[in-house]
Amino acid sequence: MSEAAKNRMIVLACLENLFVHKDFDTAKAALHPDFVTHSPGLPSGREAFTDAVKNSPLAGATAVIRHVVAEDDLVVAHLHVAGMAVVDILRVEDGLLVEHWDVKQPISG
């Protein structure tokens, strides 16, 4: 299995645990302790990030993961959650998520 395919599986499992199964402890284990997010309003760090997601207004919302694409150490995921289309970009290093960017927009119509 290629490194990109392994990274895709790591990210998909983490996103499913965070946003579908709400298994925050398992999701937390996939994040590097010094995890960095570039998303405004979300804190960096494994503990702070997972706590923020767990306690966010979207925590109870249903999420659907639509697409996950990987190339080298980057994985891009397209999700629908609470009337929003979200694209997460995650960088994986040594089997852990180390960096995160995202963009969000309302789903029209």
Protein backbone atom coordinates (compact mmCIF):
# COMPACT_ATOMS: atom_id res chain seq x y z
CA MET A 1 0.00 0.00 0.00
CA SER A 2 1.36 3.43 -0.91
CA GLU A 3 2.14 6.05 1.72
CA ALA A 4 -0.65 8.25 0.32
CA ALA A 5 -3.16 5.40 0.66
CA LYS A 6 -2.07 4.82 4.28
CA ASN A 7 -2.40 8.53 5.01
CA ARG A 8 -5.88 8.54 3.44
CA MET A 9 -6.97 5.70 5.75
CA ILE A 10 -5.54 7.49 8.83
CA VAL A 11 -7.38 10.73 8.01
CA LEU A 12 -10.63 9.00 7.08
CA ALA A 13 -10.65 7.07 10.37
CA CYS A 14 -9.94 10.23 12.37
CA LEU A 15 -12.68 12.23 10.62
CA GLU A 16 -15.17 9.39 11.06
CA ASN A 17 -14.33 9.23 14.77
CA LEU A 18 -14.59 13.02 15.19
CA PHE A 19 -17.66 13.79 13.11
CA VAL A 20 -19.64 10.56 12.56
CA HIS A 21 -19.09 8.29 15.59
CA LYS A 22 -18.26 11.11 18.06
CA ASP A 23 -15.46 8.94 19.48
CA PHE A 24 -13.22 11.81 20.52
CA ASP A 25 -10.69 9.73 22.47
CA THR A 26 -9.95 7.50 19.48
CA ALA A 27 -9.76 10.54 17.18
CA LYS A 28 -7.40 12.26 19.61
CA ALA A 29 -4.94 9.35 19.32
CA ALA A 30 -4.53 10.10 15.58
CA LEU A 31 -3.35 13.67 16.25
CA HIS A 32 0.23 14.66 17.00
CA PRO A 33 0.51 16.29 20.47
CA ASP A 34 1.65 19.51 18.76
CA PHE A 35 -1.10 19.37 16.09
CA VAL A 36 -1.47 22.75 14.35
CA THR A 37 -4.72 24.03 12.86
CA HIS A 38 -4.89 27.10 10.67
CA SER A 39 -8.67 27.29 11.04
CA PRO A 40 -9.80 30.56 12.62
CA GLY A 41 -11.51 29.96 15.94
CA LEU A 42 -10.04 26.52 16.56
CA PRO A 43 -7.08 26.05 18.91
CA SER A 44 -3.96 24.07 18.03
CA GLY A 45 -2.71 21.15 20.11
CA ARG A 46 -4.20 17.65 20.28
CA GLU A 47 -6.10 18.16 23.54
CA ALA A 48 -7.34 21.69 22.82
CA PHE A 49 -8.44 20.87 19.26
CA THR A 50 -10.42 17.74 20.14
CA ASP A 51 -11.99 19.47 23.16
CA ALA A 52 -13.04 22.39 20.93
CA VAL A 53 -14.63 20.06 18.36
CA LYS A 54 -16.34 18.05 21.11
CA ASN A 55 -17.81 21.19 22.67
CA SER A 56 -18.69 23.05 19.46
CA PRO A 57 -22.29 23.74 18.40
CA LEU A 58 -21.71 21.33 15.50
CA ALA A 59 -20.82 18.40 17.79
CA GLY A 60 -24.35 17.04 17.63
CA ALA A 61 -24.77 17.59 13.88
CA THR A 62 -24.80 14.75 11.39
CA ALA A 63 -21.75 14.69 9.13
CA VAL A 64 -21.41 12.94 5.79
CA ILE A 65 -17.95 12.39 4.35
CA ARG A 66 -18.32 12.75 0.57
CA HIS A 67 -14.77 12.45 -0.81
CA VAL A 68 -11.26 11.80 0.48
CA VAL A 69 -8.24 12.25 -1.79
CA ALA A 70 -4.57 11.79 -0.88
CA GLU A 71 -1.27 12.75 -2.45
CA ASP A 72 2.02 12.22 -0.63
CA ASP A 73 1.62 13.61 2.92
CA LEU A 74 -1.54 15.64 2.20
CA VAL A 75 -5.12 14.39 2.44
CA VAL A 76 -8.16 16.41 1.34
CA ALA A 77 -11.63 15.54 2.63
CA HIS A 78 -14.97 16.98 1.49
CA LEU A 79 -17.76 16.77 4.09
CA HIS A 80 -21.32 17.98 4.52
CA VAL A 81 -22.19 18.96 8.08
CA ALA A 82 -25.03 21.10 9.44
CA GLY A 83 -25.90 22.68 6.09
CA MET A 84 -22.26 23.44 5.31
CA ALA A 85 -19.86 22.06 2.72
CA VAL A 86 -16.45 21.68 4.35
CA VAL A 87 -13.08 20.87 2.81
CA ASP A 88 -10.40 19.81 5.27
CA ILE A 89 -6.76 19.59 4.21
CA LEU A 90 -4.59 17.57 6.57
CA ARG A 91 -0.87 16.84 6.59
CA VAL A 92 0.24 13.47 7.94
CA GLU A 93 3.69 12.76 9.34
CA ASP A 94 4.83 9.44 10.82
CA GLY A 95 1.24 8.17 10.96
CA LEU A 96 -0.17 11.18 12.85
CA LEU A 97 -2.09 14.24 11.73
CA VAL A 98 0.21 17.23 12.24
CA GLU A 99 -1.39 20.14 10.38
CA HIS A 100 -4.88 21.24 9.28
CA TRP A 101 -6.50 23.84 7.03
CA ASP A 102 -10.17 24.13 6.09
CA VAL A 103 -12.68 26.09 4.05
CA LYS A 104 -16.44 26.16 4.64
CA GLN A 105 -19.46 27.44 2.78
CA PRO A 106 -23.22 27.10 3.14
CA ILE A 107 -24.91 24.52 0.94
CA SER A 108 -27.37 26.43 -1.22
CA GLY A 109 -30.88 25.39 -2.10
